[in-house]
Amino acid sequence: MDSNRQQKVGKLFQEELAEAFRKWAVEFYPGNLISVTEVKVSPDLGVAKIYLSIFPNDKKDDILKEIITQTPTFRGILSRGASKQMRITPELIFKLDNTLDEIDKIDRALQGKGNNPIL
């Protein structure tokens, strides 16, 4: 269970990064939508895991690789945005949020369109 401080910092990071990704996607990947679905911050506030949802799915691996290479840029953006609340900007770890893919698989299976061996 996350502490109040972890939740507040996670929410702050989510808001700051969502805006940064919106601008970045328009410039480098027009037509793609990158959203920050969740931010989990370690108890010592030294590491933040950022879960991203990328739409459409056809370029998500390439976009995630580019985001990982641009981590110092996003960390700088985050440090400027959260400088009044944080002394140190945490290490950022970006991960794909596959929740929408799983929902789609389940939905397709329920409709009989998936690779369901029972039907």
Protein backbone atom coordinates (compact mmCIF):
# COMPACT_ATOMS: atom_id res chain seq x y z
CA MET A 1 0.00 0.00 0.00
CA ASP A 2 1.40 3.35 -1.03
CA SER A 3 1.70 6.17 1.48
CA ASN A 4 -0.06 9.49 1.02
CA ARG A 5 3.22 11.08 -0.05
CA GLN A 6 3.84 8.40 -2.70
CA GLN A 7 0.32 8.85 -4.07
CA LYS A 8 0.64 12.64 -4.22
CA VAL A 9 4.03 12.48 -5.95
CA GLY A 10 2.72 9.85 -8.38
CA LYS A 11 -0.26 12.04 -9.26
CA LEU A 12 1.99 15.08 -9.76
CA PHE A 13 4.34 13.11 -12.02
CA GLN A 14 1.42 11.69 -13.97
CA GLU A 15 0.05 15.16 -14.71
CA GLU A 16 3.44 16.60 -15.68
CA LEU A 17 4.40 13.66 -17.91
CA ALA A 18 0.98 13.47 -19.57
CA GLU A 19 1.40 17.01 -20.86
CA ALA A 20 5.00 16.35 -21.90
CA PHE A 21 4.03 13.21 -23.84
CA ARG A 22 1.13 15.01 -25.51
CA LYS A 23 3.48 17.66 -26.91
CA TRP A 24 6.21 15.13 -27.74
CA ALA A 25 3.82 12.81 -29.61
CA VAL A 26 2.46 15.66 -31.72
CA GLU A 27 5.97 16.63 -32.76
CA PHE A 28 7.61 13.23 -33.32
CA TYR A 29 4.73 10.74 -33.75
CA PRO A 30 1.73 12.61 -35.17
CA GLY A 31 -1.44 10.58 -35.09
CA ASN A 32 -0.36 8.59 -32.03
CA LEU A 33 -1.72 9.00 -28.54
CA ILE A 34 0.52 8.39 -25.54
CA SER A 35 -1.16 8.42 -22.16
CA VAL A 36 0.25 7.90 -18.70
CA THR A 37 -2.03 5.35 -17.07
CA GLU A 38 -0.25 4.99 -13.73
CA VAL A 39 2.84 6.13 -11.85
CA LYS A 40 4.20 4.05 -8.98
CA VAL A 41 6.79 5.74 -6.79
CA SER A 42 9.13 3.82 -4.47
CA PRO A 43 8.88 4.53 -0.71
CA ASP A 44 12.13 6.53 -0.75
CA LEU A 45 10.88 8.51 -3.80
CA GLY A 46 14.04 7.53 -5.68
CA VAL A 47 12.42 5.48 -8.46
CA ALA A 48 9.23 6.08 -10.43
CA LYS A 49 7.71 3.42 -12.68
CA ILE A 50 5.63 5.05 -15.38
CA TYR A 51 3.07 2.89 -17.17
CA LEU A 52 2.20 4.09 -20.67
CA SER A 53 -0.63 3.29 -23.01
CA ILE A 54 0.15 3.89 -26.69
CA PHE A 55 -2.52 4.04 -29.38
CA PRO A 56 -2.59 2.83 -32.12
CA ASN A 57 -0.81 -0.38 -31.17
CA ASP A 58 1.13 -0.94 -34.41
CA LYS A 59 4.10 1.27 -33.39
CA LYS A 60 4.03 0.88 -29.61
CA ASP A 61 7.34 -1.00 -29.33
CA ASP A 62 9.19 1.54 -31.48
CA ILE A 63 7.69 4.45 -29.59
CA LEU A 64 8.54 2.89 -26.22
CA LYS A 65 12.16 2.35 -27.31
CA GLU A 66 12.38 6.01 -28.35
CA ILE A 67 10.86 7.13 -25.04
CA ILE A 68 13.42 5.05 -23.14
CA THR A 69 16.27 6.65 -25.10
CA GLN A 70 14.77 10.07 -24.33
CA THR A 71 14.49 9.36 -20.58
CA PRO A 72 16.95 12.14 -19.61
CA THR A 73 14.83 14.65 -21.54
CA PHE A 74 11.64 13.60 -19.76
CA ARG A 75 13.42 13.57 -16.42
CA GLY A 76 14.51 17.17 -17.08
CA ILE A 77 10.96 18.19 -17.93
CA LEU A 78 9.75 16.51 -14.76
CA SER A 79 12.42 18.19 -12.63
CA ARG A 80 11.43 21.64 -13.91
CA GLY A 81 7.72 20.97 -13.37
CA ALA A 82 8.02 19.44 -9.92
CA SER A 83 10.95 21.49 -8.62
CA LYS A 84 8.86 23.24 -5.97
CA GLN A 85 7.64 19.97 -4.46
CA MET A 86 10.70 17.73 -4.89
CA ARG A 87 14.37 18.18 -4.08
CA ILE A 88 15.53 15.23 -6.17
CA THR A 89 14.00 13.94 -9.39
CA PRO A 90 13.69 10.15 -9.25
CA GLU A 91 15.00 7.64 -11.75
CA LEU A 92 12.32 6.99 -14.38
CA ILE A 93 11.44 3.50 -15.60
CA PHE A 94 8.99 3.35 -18.50
CA LYS A 95 6.78 0.30 -19.04
CA LEU A 96 3.92 -0.52 -21.38
CA ASP A 97 0.48 -0.86 -19.84
CA ASN A 98 -1.11 -3.83 -21.60
CA THR A 99 -4.49 -3.50 -19.92
CA LEU A 100 -6.26 -2.38 -23.10
CA ASP A 101 -4.76 -5.29 -25.05
CA GLU A 102 -6.00 -7.75 -22.43
CA ILE A 103 -9.48 -6.20 -22.46
CA ASP A 104 -9.55 -6.49 -26.24
CA LYS A 105 -8.50 -10.18 -26.08
CA ILE A 106 -11.21 -10.97 -23.55
CA ASP A 107 -13.82 -9.06 -25.53
CA ARG A 108 -12.90 -10.89 -28.74
CA ALA A 109 -12.98 -14.25 -26.95
CA LEU A 110 -16.42 -13.52 -25.52
CA GLN A 111 -17.70 -12.62 -28.98
CA GLY A 112 -16.27 -15.86 -30.40
CA LYS A 113 -13.75 -14.03 -32.60
CA GLY A 114 -10.62 -14.98 -30.66
CA ASN A 115 -8.57 -18.14 -30.67
CA ASN A 116 -10.79 -19.85 -28.10
CA PRO A 117 -10.42 -23.67 -28.13
CA ILE A 118 -13.68 -24.20 -26.19
CA LEU A 119 -15.96 -22.79 -28.90
